[in-house]
Protein backbone atom coordinates (compact mmCIF):
# COMPACT_ATOMS: atom_id res chain seq x y z
CA MET A 1 -35.33 -45.73 13.55
CA ARG A 2 -35.54 -49.10 11.92
CA PRO A 3 -32.68 -51.52 12.17
CA ALA A 4 -32.26 -51.73 8.37
CA VAL A 5 -31.90 -47.95 8.07
CA ALA A 6 -29.52 -47.84 11.03
CA ARG A 7 -27.43 -50.61 9.47
CA ARG A 8 -27.29 -48.76 6.13
CA LEU A 9 -26.26 -45.55 7.85
CA SER A 10 -23.57 -47.33 9.84
CA LEU A 11 -22.28 -49.04 6.65
CA LEU A 12 -22.27 -45.67 4.91
CA GLY A 13 -20.34 -44.16 7.82
CA VAL A 14 -17.82 -47.00 7.76
CA ALA A 15 -17.48 -46.65 3.99
CA LEU A 16 -16.85 -42.91 4.36
CA VAL A 17 -14.24 -43.52 7.05
CA VAL A 18 -12.54 -46.18 4.89
CA ALA A 19 -12.59 -43.89 1.83
CA THR A 20 -11.17 -40.99 3.85
CA ALA A 21 -8.44 -43.23 5.28
CA ALA A 22 -7.62 -44.58 1.81
CA LEU A 23 -7.29 -41.05 0.44
CA ALA A 24 -5.23 -39.89 3.39
CA PHE A 25 -2.90 -42.90 3.32
CA GLY A 26 -2.86 -43.23 -0.47
CA VAL A 27 -2.75 -39.74 -1.95
CA VAL A 28 -0.09 -38.23 0.31
CA PRO A 29 2.44 -41.05 -0.22
CA PHE A 30 1.71 -41.00 -3.96
CA ARG A 31 2.37 -37.26 -4.09
CA ASP A 32 5.59 -37.76 -2.12
CA TRP A 33 6.59 -40.51 -4.53
CA LEU A 34 6.05 -38.19 -7.49
CA ASP A 35 8.12 -35.47 -5.80
CA GLN A 36 10.90 -37.96 -5.11
CA ARG A 37 10.91 -39.03 -8.76
CA GLN A 38 11.32 -35.42 -9.85
CA VAL A 39 14.15 -34.84 -7.37
CA ASN A 40 15.75 -38.11 -8.48
CA ASP A 41 15.63 -37.02 -12.13
CA GLU A 42 17.18 -33.65 -11.27
CA LEU A 43 19.96 -35.33 -9.29
CA ARG A 44 20.65 -37.75 -12.14
CA ALA A 45 21.03 -34.79 -14.52
CA ARG A 46 23.47 -33.12 -12.10
CA VAL A 47 25.47 -36.34 -11.75
CA GLU A 48 25.69 -36.66 -15.55
CA ALA A 49 26.95 -33.07 -15.79
CA VAL A 50 29.59 -33.75 -13.12
CA GLU A 51 30.63 -36.94 -14.92
CA VAL A 52 31.15 -34.97 -18.15
CA VAL A 53 33.37 -32.51 -16.29
CA ASN A 54 35.25 -35.39 -14.65
CA ARG A 55 35.90 -36.99 -18.04
CA ALA A 56 37.31 -33.69 -19.31
CA TYR A 57 39.59 -33.49 -16.26
CA GLU A 58 40.73 -37.07 -16.80
CA GLN A 59 41.63 -36.23 -20.40
CA ARG A 60 43.62 -33.21 -19.22
CA ILE A 61 45.42 -35.36 -16.64
CA ASP A 62 46.25 -37.96 -19.27
CA ALA A 63 47.58 -35.20 -21.55
CA LEU A 64 49.70 -33.77 -18.74
CA ASN A 65 51.38 -37.14 -18.28
CA THR A 66 52.90 -36.99 -21.77
CA ASP A 67 56.31 -35.49 -22.49
CA GLU A 68 54.97 -33.44 -25.39
CA GLU A 69 52.37 -31.69 -23.23
CA ILE A 70 54.88 -31.01 -20.47
CA GLU A 71 57.30 -29.49 -22.97
CA ARG A 72 54.57 -27.42 -24.62
CA ARG A 73 53.41 -26.00 -21.29
CA ALA A 74 56.97 -25.33 -20.11
CA ARG A 75 57.65 -23.35 -23.27
CA ARG A 76 54.34 -21.50 -23.20
CA ASP A 77 53.96 -20.74 -19.49
CA PHE A 78 57.55 -20.45 -18.29
CA ASN A 79 59.47 -19.55 -21.48
CA LEU A 80 61.79 -22.50 -20.98
CA VAL A 81 63.99 -23.76 -23.80
CA HIS A 82 66.33 -26.67 -24.41
CA PRO A 83 70.02 -26.12 -23.58
CA ASP A 84 70.96 -25.74 -27.26
CA GLU A 85 68.21 -23.23 -28.05
CA GLU A 86 67.98 -19.47 -27.61
CA ALA A 87 64.87 -17.69 -26.39
CA TYR A 88 63.88 -14.33 -27.81
CA ALA A 89 61.24 -11.99 -26.46
CA VAL A 90 59.46 -9.90 -29.04
CA VAL A 91 58.45 -6.56 -27.58
CA PRO A 92 55.35 -4.91 -29.01
CA PRO A 93 55.85 -1.53 -30.67
CA PRO A 94 55.46 1.52 -28.45
CA VAL A 95 52.02 3.05 -28.25
CA GLN A 96 51.71 6.28 -30.17
CA PRO A 97 50.20 9.14 -28.13
CA HIS A 98 46.81 10.31 -29.27
CA ARG A 99 46.78 13.58 -31.13
CA VAL A 100 44.25 15.94 -29.64
CA PRO A 101 42.93 18.68 -31.91
CA GLY A 102 43.44 22.25 -30.72
CA ILE A 103 39.77 23.18 -30.98
CA TRP A 104 37.10 23.48 -28.37
CA PRO A 105 36.70 21.62 -25.92
CA PHE A 106 40.31 20.44 -26.13
CA ASP A 107 41.98 23.86 -26.37
CA ARG A 108 41.98 24.52 -22.62
């Protein structure tokens, strides 16, 4: 084989090795980077959702620190009243029994 052909083949082999190494060291990290971006976006969305829930909880906490909310909940949940008030419980009317007709299949 001539030296020029051998040199071209060796350069081609080196070029193939370099291209393979570039693909192996370039494509895999790029794919991992894309996956990490997707995971990062998903986590950001979850954090935003948790922050919305946290803001709602903070508003509830702020409301519970007011006298009006404490009084409203005491009246609603525990039926508490002020000393000069009277509490009444309204009982629902009794349930009327269902009238069953005396025909088949109810006659037995």
